[in-house]
Protein backbone atom coordinates (compact mmCIF):
# COMPACT_ATOMS: atom_id res chain seq x y z
CA MET A 1 22.93 24.20 -22.07
CA SER A 2 23.90 20.82 -20.67
CA PRO A 3 20.90 19.15 -18.94
CA SER A 4 23.19 17.79 -16.22
CA ALA A 5 24.38 21.23 -15.10
CA PHE A 6 23.33 22.99 -11.92
CA ILE A 7 21.66 26.27 -12.74
CA SER A 8 20.56 29.46 -11.03
CA LEU A 9 17.99 31.88 -12.35
CA THR A 10 19.07 35.16 -10.81
CA SER A 11 16.52 37.56 -12.31
CA ALA A 12 13.23 37.60 -14.17
CA VAL A 13 15.24 37.76 -17.39
CA GLY A 14 17.56 35.13 -15.99
CA LEU A 15 21.21 34.20 -15.94
CA LEU A 16 22.43 30.62 -15.87
CA THR A 17 25.27 30.00 -13.43
CA ALA A 18 26.66 27.10 -11.44
CA ALA A 19 24.98 26.33 -8.12
CA SER A 20 25.12 23.49 -5.61
CA VAL A 21 21.62 22.42 -4.58
CA PHE A 22 19.67 19.33 -3.63
CA GLY A 23 16.64 17.62 -5.11
CA GLN A 24 13.80 19.12 -3.04
CA PRO A 25 13.14 22.12 -0.76
CA ILE A 26 15.48 21.98 2.23
CA VAL A 27 14.01 22.17 5.75
CA GLN A 28 16.36 24.02 8.10
CA PHE A 29 14.45 23.06 11.22
CA ILE A 30 11.01 22.00 12.44
CA ASN A 31 9.03 24.17 14.82
CA HIS A 32 6.29 22.63 17.00
CA VAL A 33 3.42 25.12 16.86
CA ASP A 34 0.68 23.75 19.11
CA CYS A 35 -1.75 20.97 19.89
CA CYS A 36 -5.07 21.70 18.20
CA LEU A 37 -8.59 20.36 18.33
CA ASP A 38 -9.25 17.93 15.47
CA THR A 39 -12.89 18.13 14.47
CA SER A 40 -12.33 16.80 10.97
CA GLY A 41 -13.32 13.18 11.46
CA ASN A 42 -12.61 11.47 8.13
CA SER A 43 -12.41 14.68 6.10
CA SER A 44 -9.53 17.03 5.35
CA HIS A 45 -8.14 19.06 8.25
CA GLY A 46 -9.13 22.72 7.78
CA ASP A 47 -6.31 24.37 5.84
CA LEU A 48 -4.15 21.24 6.09
CA ASN A 49 -5.50 19.89 2.82
CA GLY A 50 -2.43 20.23 0.60
CA LEU A 51 -2.37 16.52 -0.30
CA THR A 52 -6.06 16.37 -1.23
CA GLY A 53 -6.26 14.95 -4.74
CA VAL A 54 -2.80 13.32 -4.56
CA ALA A 55 -2.99 9.53 -4.86
CA ILE A 56 0.72 8.65 -4.76
CA LEU A 57 3.62 10.79 -3.52
CA GLY A 58 6.97 9.22 -4.25
CA ALA A 59 6.83 5.67 -2.90
CA TYR A 60 3.84 6.35 -0.65
CA ASP A 61 0.09 5.96 -1.12
CA VAL A 62 -2.08 8.91 -0.09
CA ASP A 63 -5.78 8.94 0.70
CA PHE A 64 -6.52 11.49 -2.04
CA VAL A 65 -10.07 12.16 -0.80
CA ARG A 66 -8.99 13.08 2.73
CA GLY A 67 -5.50 14.33 1.77
CA VAL A 68 -3.92 12.06 4.40
CA LEU A 69 -0.65 10.13 4.27
CA ASP A 70 -1.04 7.19 6.69
CA ARG A 71 2.04 5.14 7.59
CA ASP A 72 2.79 2.55 10.25
CA ASP A 73 6.33 4.01 10.46
CA MET A 74 5.21 7.64 10.82
CA THR A 75 7.53 10.12 12.54
CA VAL A 76 7.65 13.91 12.79
CA GLU A 77 10.60 13.96 10.36
CA PHE A 78 8.83 11.69 7.87
CA CYS A 79 5.77 13.96 7.75
CA SER A 80 8.00 17.04 7.50
CA GLY A 81 9.85 15.56 4.52
CA ALA A 82 6.67 14.51 2.73
CA CYS A 83 5.15 17.97 3.12
CA ALA A 84 8.42 19.58 2.01
CA MET A 85 7.88 18.05 -1.44
CA GLY A 86 5.11 20.63 -1.83
CA ARG A 87 7.01 23.25 0.18
CA PHE A 88 4.08 23.36 2.59
CA ARG A 89 4.74 25.55 5.59
CA TYR A 90 2.63 23.56 8.05
CA PHE A 91 2.05 19.89 8.74
CA GLY A 92 0.00 18.01 11.26
CA LEU A 93 0.11 14.56 12.83
CA ARG A 94 -2.90 12.74 14.23
CA ASP A 95 -3.89 9.32 15.51
CA GLY A 96 -0.27 8.16 15.69
CA SER A 97 0.17 7.51 11.99
CA GLU A 98 -1.54 10.19 9.87
CA CYS A 99 0.19 13.16 8.21
CA VAL A 100 -1.45 16.20 6.59
CA CYS A 101 0.06 19.32 4.97
CA GLY A 102 -0.96 22.92 4.32
CA SER A 103 0.35 26.39 3.52
CA THR A 104 -1.81 28.29 6.03
CA VAL A 105 -3.54 27.55 9.33
CA GLN A 106 -6.29 30.17 9.28
CA ARG A 107 -9.06 27.57 9.46
CA ILE A 108 -7.45 25.25 12.00
CA PRO A 109 -9.74 24.64 15.04
CA PRO A 110 -8.77 26.08 18.46
CA CYS A 111 -5.37 25.16 19.90
CA ASN A 112 -4.69 24.88 23.63
CA GLY A 113 -1.30 23.21 23.87
CA GLY A 114 -2.36 19.99 25.55
CA GLY A 115 -3.51 16.47 24.77
CA CYS A 116 -1.26 15.61 21.81
CA ASP A 117 0.91 13.22 23.82
CA VAL A 118 -1.84 10.60 23.97
CA LYS A 119 -0.83 9.09 20.63
CA LYS A 120 2.84 8.31 20.14
CA CYS A 121 4.17 8.29 16.58
CA ALA A 122 3.97 4.82 15.08
CA GLY A 123 7.57 5.02 13.89
CA ASN A 124 9.06 6.64 17.01
CA ASN A 125 7.37 6.24 20.38
CA SER A 126 9.40 9.11 21.85
CA GLN A 127 7.47 11.54 19.60
CA SER A 128 3.86 12.72 19.92
CA CYS A 129 1.53 12.32 16.95
CA GLY A 130 -1.79 13.69 18.15
CA GLY A 131 -4.37 12.53 20.64
CA THR A 132 -8.08 12.01 21.14
CA LYS A 133 -9.53 14.46 18.62
CA LYS A 134 -6.20 16.31 18.73
CA ILE A 135 -3.73 17.15 15.97
CA SER A 136 -0.08 18.00 16.63
CA LEU A 137 0.72 21.04 14.48
CA HIS A 138 4.27 21.74 13.24
CA GLU A 139 5.95 24.27 10.94
CA ASN A 140 8.66 23.62 8.37
CA ILE A 141 11.26 26.39 8.27
CA TYR A 142 12.96 26.29 4.86
CA THR A 143 16.22 27.70 3.62
CA THR A 144 15.68 31.02 1.86
CA ALA A 145 14.92 30.57 -1.83
CA ASN A 146 17.80 31.99 -3.86
CA GLY A 147 16.68 31.26 -7.41
CA SER A 148 18.75 28.10 -7.68
CA TYR A 149 17.69 24.99 -9.53
CA LYS A 150 19.01 21.51 -10.05
CA SER A 151 18.36 19.45 -13.14
CA MET A 152 17.41 15.84 -12.47
CA ALA A 153 16.58 12.97 -14.79
CA SER A 154 12.81 12.52 -14.73
CA THR A 155 13.36 8.83 -13.96
CA LYS A 156 15.30 9.72 -10.78
CA ILE A 157 12.91 12.20 -9.19
CA ALA A 158 9.96 11.13 -7.02
CA LEU A 159 6.71 10.57 -8.92
CA ILE A 160 3.33 12.05 -8.01
CA THR A 161 0.01 10.61 -9.20
CA VAL A 162 -3.44 12.20 -9.16
CA PRO A 163 -6.80 11.26 -10.72
CA GLU A 164 -7.08 12.70 -14.23
CA MET A 165 -9.78 15.20 -13.28
CA LEU A 166 -7.52 16.69 -10.59
CA VAL A 167 -4.32 17.02 -12.62
CA ARG A 168 -4.35 20.83 -12.31
CA ARG A 169 -3.67 20.41 -8.61
CA VAL A 170 -0.13 19.24 -9.37
CA TYR A 171 0.92 20.93 -12.64
CA TRP A 172 -0.13 23.30 -15.40
CA SER A 173 1.18 23.90 -18.93
CA GLN A 174 2.15 26.80 -21.15
CA GLU A 175 3.86 27.17 -24.51
CA ALA A 176 7.64 27.58 -24.66
CA THR A 177 10.23 27.45 -27.43
CA VAL A 178 13.27 26.60 -25.27
CA ALA A 179 13.91 25.20 -21.79
CA PHE A 180 15.05 28.58 -20.52
CA GLU A 181 11.54 29.97 -20.97
CA CYS A 182 10.27 27.24 -18.63
CA LEU A 183 12.82 28.21 -16.01
CA ALA A 184 11.85 31.88 -16.29
CA ALA A 185 8.16 31.03 -15.94
CA CYS A 186 8.81 28.81 -12.92
CA HIS A 187 10.98 31.50 -11.36
CA ARG A 188 8.18 34.04 -11.65
CA SER A 189 5.54 31.83 -10.06
CA PRO A 190 5.54 31.18 -6.28
CA ASP A 191 3.37 28.11 -6.96
CA CYS A 192 6.00 26.46 -9.17
CA LEU A 193 8.51 24.13 -7.47
CA ALA A 194 9.76 22.30 -10.57
CA CYS A 195 9.47 22.48 -14.34
CA ALA A 196 10.07 20.39 -17.43
CA PHE A 197 10.40 21.34 -21.08
CA VAL A 198 8.74 18.98 -23.58
CA GLN A 199 10.71 19.57 -26.76
CA SER A 200 8.42 17.56 -29.06
CA SER A 201 5.38 19.71 -28.30
CA ARG A 202 7.21 22.91 -27.27
CA MET A 203 5.33 22.91 -23.97
CA CYS A 204 6.43 23.75 -20.46
CA ARG A 205 5.10 21.71 -17.53
CA LEU A 206 5.09 23.79 -14.35
CA MET A 207 4.77 21.66 -11.21
CA ARG A 208 3.41 22.52 -7.78
CA PHE A 209 5.46 19.75 -6.12
CA ALA A 210 9.13 18.79 -6.20
CA ALA A 211 7.89 15.57 -7.75
CA VAL A 212 7.00 14.80 -11.33
CA PRO A 213 3.65 13.44 -12.57
CA SER A 214 4.09 10.12 -14.34
CA GLU A 215 2.72 11.52 -17.62
CA VAL A 216 5.32 14.31 -17.54
CA ALA A 217 8.10 11.83 -16.78
CA SER A 218 7.11 9.90 -19.90
CA GLU A 219 7.45 12.96 -22.18
CA ALA A 220 10.36 14.91 -20.68
CA GLN A 221 13.86 13.60 -20.01
CA TRP A 222 14.88 16.28 -17.51
CA VAL A 223 13.17 18.13 -14.67
CA TRP A 224 14.47 21.32 -13.02
CA VAL A 225 13.74 21.57 -9.30
CA LYS A 226 13.52 24.96 -7.59
CA LEU A 227 15.03 25.37 -4.11
């Protein structure tokens, strides 16, 4: 199997076919959910803690203790795209420049629809990015997963960095004899967004983000991204 080919895993057993896909989960549109009370202070935001433990995501530094991506060019679209790398369903914006991600909102404080226009987004003053103790909550609506993958050189995909003791937050490993076994394992797991086969150790790295940890990039030439 050529590592540069597009591939689609169409069943648990799997069948490799051509497919045209991109390099990370595709957001069809963004839905504004509500304006919610932000009682978190300097801690993570209820269920919006998907970036907790992540120190670097692509080219961007993350406060890995709070799980917050803070940028002076923050926009709704920027936060959406960052959270899409983990295929998080929800994302929130607060204080004009902070972005948080999460898969559920069961523990989000009460929402009442008002007060999030106090802080304009640092990168686009026509957008609202929270308010005084308020977080602007949005939802990423993704294209339906169809079992398609794209192979990418590990040097071309965004990197993700976490402290060593938190590495399980971004990937886990299992034995495999060929790359196809990695694809099958990733296909079976809803938590897997990308995978890499390390031929020298016959190990499969299954990743929770459409981004590759630096240690995986150093041992695997190709990464397959699920969309």
